[in-house]
Structure formats: structure tokens, C-alpha cells
């Protein structure tokens, strides 16, 4: 099975930046074949799809709440996905998860593999 490990969370001030990483734990995880997504869940709220990048990086999607501020990317050579988060807002505070699906697009309720999450806190 594919193991995903997130890192890069922490405390940031409003307007600041963080870069999250998601690393596949074994070389057999071929990033090129999977859509990769970032999700988040704030306290008391439902899980939200933040961003997704398709196989072969053909297209990306973003939640309306993060468009223009967040950027998803992948490094297939190192089995790593990234989420660059700029101009952070307090409402971005959540546990962020990466997930993978062997499909053309991310499906919030049907991702094949999930990481355990990394906490992002945005506060002055």
C-alpha cells in the first residue's frame, strides 16, 4: 500500500506563507499515475478539498476560498507533492491532508490513500 506523510505545517501570521510537503514512502508510488489532492478540516467543520493536480500535471483545481493564494505542484522524481500557501488568512487554520487516487481527478469521498495530516495555524 502507498504511505503518504505530510510535513511543513506550523504557525503563521496573517499574510504569511507556508509550504506543505507530502512524500510517498516507497519508490513504487508512481506520482505520474495518480491525481494528488490537498484537503483540510477545521475544528467543527467538514473536510474540504483545497486543491488537486491531475496525472501528468494536465490541470489543477482549487477551492474558491484559496484561488490566487495557494499553488499545488508535484515532483515525480522524488515522489513528493507540495502545497505553497501564500497570503494566509485565519480561516485557513485547519489540519491539512494529502491524498492520492489512481484516477483523472480527485474525488473527495473516494481517495485511495491518505496521509495523517499536518496542522496549520494562522493567527496574529
Protein backbone atom coordinates (compact mmCIF):
# COMPACT_ATOMS: atom_id res chain seq x y z
CA UNK A 1 0.00 0.00 0.00
CA UNK A 2 1.01 3.60 -0.54
CA UNK A 3 2.04 5.55 2.54
CA UNK A 4 1.82 9.34 2.50
CA UNK A 5 3.47 11.61 5.04
CA UNK A 6 2.76 15.34 5.29
CA UNK A 7 5.05 17.95 6.76
CA UNK A 8 5.52 21.71 6.80
CA UNK A 9 2.64 22.78 8.98
CA UNK A 10 3.04 25.21 11.82
CA UNK A 11 2.16 28.69 12.96
CA UNK A 12 1.98 31.61 10.55
CA UNK A 13 0.74 35.15 10.86
CA UNK A 14 -1.98 36.50 8.60
CA UNK A 15 -0.41 37.39 5.26
CA UNK A 16 2.41 34.92 5.80
CA UNK A 17 3.35 31.79 3.89
CA UNK A 18 3.87 28.09 4.46
CA UNK A 19 4.84 25.26 2.15
CA UNK A 20 3.43 21.81 2.81
CA UNK A 21 5.06 18.64 1.54
CA UNK A 22 3.64 15.17 1.01
CA UNK A 23 6.09 12.32 0.47
CA UNK A 24 5.30 8.84 -0.75
CA UNK A 25 7.20 6.34 1.35
CA UNK A 26 8.14 3.86 -1.35
CA UNK A 27 9.52 4.15 -4.88
CA UNK A 28 6.64 2.06 -6.23
CA UNK A 29 4.31 5.02 -5.72
CA UNK A 30 4.25 6.48 -9.20
CA UNK A 31 3.06 10.04 -8.86
CA UNK A 32 2.59 10.29 -12.62
CA UNK A 33 -0.29 7.80 -12.49
CA UNK A 34 -2.25 9.44 -9.67
CA UNK A 35 -4.25 12.55 -9.13
CA UNK A 36 -2.95 14.16 -5.95
CA UNK A 37 -5.03 16.33 -3.69
CA UNK A 38 -4.77 18.51 -0.63
CA UNK A 39 -7.67 18.58 1.80
CA UNK A 40 -8.25 20.36 5.06
CA UNK A 41 -10.53 20.06 8.04
CA UNK A 42 -11.06 22.84 10.53
CA UNK A 43 -12.43 22.20 14.02
CA UNK A 44 -16.15 21.54 13.88
CA UNK A 45 -16.27 21.68 10.08
CA UNK A 46 -16.46 19.14 7.28
CA UNK A 47 -13.43 18.12 5.27
CA UNK A 48 -12.84 20.39 2.31
CA UNK A 49 -10.97 19.77 -0.92
CA UNK A 50 -8.40 22.54 -1.25
CA UNK A 51 -6.59 21.63 -4.44
CA UNK A 52 -5.96 18.79 -6.86
CA UNK A 53 -3.42 18.12 -9.58
CA UNK A 54 -4.19 15.62 -12.32
CA UNK A 55 -1.99 12.79 -13.62
CA UNK A 56 0.77 14.17 -15.82
CA UNK A 57 0.01 17.64 -14.43
CA UNK A 58 -2.51 18.30 -17.18
CA UNK A 59 -4.63 20.56 -14.99
CA UNK A 60 -5.09 21.80 -11.45
CA UNK A 61 -8.12 22.77 -9.44
CA UNK A 62 -8.56 24.99 -6.40
CA UNK A 63 -11.30 25.74 -3.95
CA UNK A 64 -12.71 29.23 -4.44
CA UNK A 65 -11.50 30.17 -0.98
CA UNK A 66 -7.83 29.67 -1.90
CA UNK A 67 -7.67 30.65 -5.58
CA UNK A 68 -4.85 33.06 -6.23
CA UNK A 69 -3.19 32.27 -2.90
CA UNK A 70 -2.34 28.55 -2.96
CA UNK A 71 -0.38 26.60 -5.57
CA UNK A 72 -0.20 22.82 -5.91
CA UNK A 73 2.72 21.07 -7.60
CA UNK A 74 4.47 17.73 -7.74
CA UNK A 75 7.99 16.40 -8.10
CA UNK A 76 7.61 12.92 -9.55
CA UNK A 77 11.34 12.20 -9.33
CA UNK A 78 11.15 12.47 -5.53
CA UNK A 79 7.60 11.18 -5.00
CA UNK A 80 6.62 14.47 -3.45
CA UNK A 81 3.65 16.80 -3.73
CA UNK A 82 3.62 20.37 -2.47
CA UNK A 83 1.13 23.00 -1.48
CA UNK A 84 2.54 26.51 -1.45
CA UNK A 85 0.29 28.69 0.68
CA UNK A 86 0.67 32.45 0.42
CA UNK A 87 -1.29 35.32 1.91
CA UNK A 88 -2.58 33.08 4.67
CA UNK A 89 -5.75 34.00 6.49
CA UNK A 90 -7.05 32.93 9.90
CA UNK A 91 -9.77 30.91 8.17
CA UNK A 92 -7.05 28.75 6.62
CA UNK A 93 -6.42 27.24 10.05
CA UNK A 94 -7.01 23.50 9.78
CA UNK A 95 -5.39 20.11 9.64
CA UNK A 96 -4.18 19.62 6.09
CA UNK A 97 -4.12 16.18 4.48
CA UNK A 98 -2.67 14.94 1.24
CA UNK A 99 -4.33 12.13 -0.64
CA UNK A 100 -3.89 10.17 -3.86
CA UNK A 101 -6.23 8.48 -6.29
CA UNK A 102 -5.49 6.47 -9.40
CA UNK A 103 -7.89 8.48 -11.47
CA UNK A 104 -8.09 11.52 -13.68
CA UNK A 105 -9.42 13.80 -10.96
CA UNK A 106 -9.65 13.93 -7.20
CA UNK A 107 -12.79 12.63 -5.59
CA UNK A 108 -13.29 13.91 -2.08
CA UNK A 109 -15.10 10.82 -0.84
CA UNK A 110 -13.15 8.21 -2.78
CA UNK A 111 -9.44 8.93 -2.47
CA UNK A 112 -7.38 5.73 -2.32
CA UNK A 113 -4.66 6.81 0.10
CA UNK A 114 -4.47 9.43 2.84
CA UNK A 115 -1.76 10.92 4.97
CA UNK A 116 -2.26 11.57 8.67
CA UNK A 117 -2.25 15.34 8.35
CA UNK A 118 -0.25 18.36 9.41
CA UNK A 119 -1.65 21.25 11.44
CA UNK A 120 -1.64 24.77 10.05
CA UNK A 121 -2.48 27.61 12.41
CA UNK A 122 -2.83 31.17 11.18
CA UNK A 123 -3.02 33.71 13.98
CA UNK A 124 -1.50 37.01 14.99
